[in-house]
Amino acid sequence: MKGDFLYYAGAPVKHAKIEATASGNTAIVAAVAATATNPARRIAVLSLSIVAGTAVGVEWRSGTTTVISGKQEYPDAGGIVRAHNPMAWFKTAPGEALNINLDGASQVGGELVYQLIE
């Protein structure tokens, strides 16, 4: 059942800044591909906060096409905080980047906490 419990005690907890302004995909965490000695990694998001400057719809994606969260509609100056979830709010497929996708131009910012897992 490797990968089912996402909060790995041995995996370092990492932080990333969320910054997006344009409609479409913006990479937040780069993909971690397989190497000769390590498998490709998934990005497991454990917590996040996000604020939008103007009304916008937001989706999180594994790579550029696979939606891994429900669409979230934020009003002007609206946002959300998702507290620590050791099972992760969502995760990418192995070897794919974590992207935020905006349905229109808006200043969107925040931060997230994640782990790289097998």
Protein backbone atom coordinates (compact mmCIF):
# COMPACT_ATOMS: atom_id res chain seq x y z
CA MET A 1 0.00 0.00 0.00
CA LYS A 2 2.92 2.26 -0.67
CA GLY A 3 1.75 5.82 -1.32
CA ASP A 4 -1.63 5.45 0.39
CA PHE A 5 -0.52 7.18 3.58
CA LEU A 6 0.95 10.36 2.24
CA TYR A 7 2.60 11.97 5.25
CA TYR A 8 5.95 10.21 5.28
CA ALA A 9 7.96 10.79 8.44
CA GLY A 10 11.19 10.43 6.45
CA ALA A 11 10.23 12.80 3.62
CA PRO A 12 11.22 16.43 4.16
CA VAL A 13 8.39 18.94 4.37
CA LYS A 14 8.84 21.66 1.74
CA HIS A 15 7.30 25.05 1.05
CA ALA A 16 6.39 26.78 -2.21
CA LYS A 17 5.18 30.25 -3.07
CA ILE A 18 1.97 30.56 -5.09
CA GLU A 19 2.16 33.34 -7.67
CA ALA A 20 -0.05 33.43 -10.75
CA THR A 21 -1.47 36.28 -12.83
CA ALA A 22 -2.37 34.92 -16.25
CA SER A 23 -5.24 32.73 -17.39
CA GLY A 24 -4.19 29.08 -17.80
CA ASN A 25 -1.50 26.98 -16.13
CA THR A 26 1.29 28.28 -13.92
CA ALA A 27 3.84 25.84 -12.49
CA ILE A 28 4.05 26.00 -8.69
CA VAL A 29 6.24 22.94 -7.97
CA ALA A 30 8.41 21.40 -10.68
CA ALA A 31 8.07 17.74 -11.62
CA VAL A 32 10.53 15.26 -10.12
CA ALA A 33 11.28 12.65 -12.75
CA ALA A 34 12.69 9.19 -12.19
CA THR A 35 16.45 8.70 -12.18
CA ALA A 36 18.60 5.59 -12.29
CA THR A 37 18.49 5.39 -8.49
CA ASN A 38 15.16 7.01 -7.55
CA PRO A 39 11.56 6.61 -8.75
CA ALA A 40 9.52 9.55 -10.01
CA ARG A 41 7.90 11.48 -7.16
CA ARG A 42 4.37 12.70 -6.52
CA ILE A 43 3.76 16.12 -5.02
CA ALA A 44 1.43 15.79 -2.02
CA VAL A 45 -0.06 19.11 -0.85
CA LEU A 46 -0.49 19.07 2.93
CA SER A 47 -1.68 22.65 3.52
CA LEU A 48 -2.14 25.89 1.60
CA SER A 49 -3.39 29.42 1.69
CA ILE A 50 -4.46 31.40 -1.34
CA VAL A 51 -5.86 34.88 -2.02
CA ALA A 52 -7.16 36.28 -5.31
CA GLY A 53 -7.03 40.00 -6.10
CA THR A 54 -10.10 39.86 -8.35
CA ALA A 55 -12.81 37.26 -8.92
CA VAL A 56 -11.36 34.13 -10.51
CA GLY A 57 -11.85 30.36 -10.74
CA VAL A 58 -8.95 28.14 -9.68
CA GLU A 59 -8.15 24.49 -10.34
CA TRP A 60 -5.08 22.52 -9.32
CA ARG A 61 -3.59 20.22 -11.95
CA SER A 62 -1.18 17.32 -12.16
CA GLY A 63 0.85 18.34 -15.19
CA THR A 64 -1.05 20.56 -17.60
CA THR A 65 -4.28 18.63 -18.15
CA THR A 66 -5.29 16.38 -15.23
CA VAL A 67 -7.50 18.25 -12.75
CA ILE A 68 -6.82 17.09 -9.17
CA SER A 69 -9.09 19.49 -7.26
CA GLY A 70 -12.57 20.80 -7.65
CA LYS A 71 -12.87 24.22 -9.26
CA GLN A 72 -12.80 26.91 -6.59
CA GLU A 73 -14.43 30.27 -7.30
CA TYR A 74 -12.93 33.20 -5.38
CA PRO A 75 -14.56 36.66 -5.17
CA ASP A 76 -12.59 39.92 -5.23
CA ALA A 77 -9.98 39.74 -2.45
CA GLY A 78 -11.28 36.27 -1.57
CA GLY A 79 -9.24 33.32 -0.44
CA ILE A 80 -8.98 30.17 1.60
CA VAL A 81 -6.74 28.47 4.13
CA ARG A 82 -6.55 24.69 4.15
CA ALA A 83 -5.03 23.52 7.44
CA HIS A 84 -2.54 20.68 7.69
CA ASN A 85 -3.92 17.42 6.32
CA PRO A 86 -1.51 14.47 6.78
CA MET A 87 -3.39 12.52 4.08
CA ALA A 88 -2.91 15.46 1.66
CA TRP A 89 -5.56 17.65 0.06
CA PHE A 90 -4.48 16.43 -3.36
CA LYS A 91 -1.44 14.92 -5.07
CA THR A 92 0.05 14.80 -8.55
CA ALA A 93 0.75 11.72 -10.60
CA PRO A 94 4.36 10.47 -10.32
CA GLY A 95 6.77 12.64 -12.30
CA GLU A 96 4.29 15.46 -13.00
CA ALA A 97 4.47 19.14 -11.99
CA LEU A 98 1.92 20.80 -9.72
CA ASN A 99 0.17 23.58 -11.65
CA ILE A 100 -2.40 26.16 -10.68
CA ASN A 101 -4.89 26.95 -13.44
CA LEU A 102 -6.79 30.25 -13.49
CA ASP A 103 -9.92 30.72 -15.62
CA GLY A 104 -9.09 34.42 -16.07
CA ALA A 105 -6.37 36.95 -15.35
CA SER A 106 -6.07 37.84 -11.65
CA GLN A 107 -3.31 38.40 -9.11
CA VAL A 108 -3.32 35.15 -7.11
CA GLY A 109 -0.85 34.54 -4.32
CA GLY A 110 -0.21 32.41 -1.29
CA GLU A 111 1.88 29.51 -0.13
CA LEU A 112 1.68 25.77 0.23
CA VAL A 113 3.35 23.00 2.20
CA TYR A 114 4.09 19.73 0.44
CA GLN A 115 6.10 16.53 0.43
CA LEU A 116 7.65 14.56 -2.41
CA ILE A 117 6.45 10.95 -2.08
CA GLU A 118 6.73 7.71 -4.05
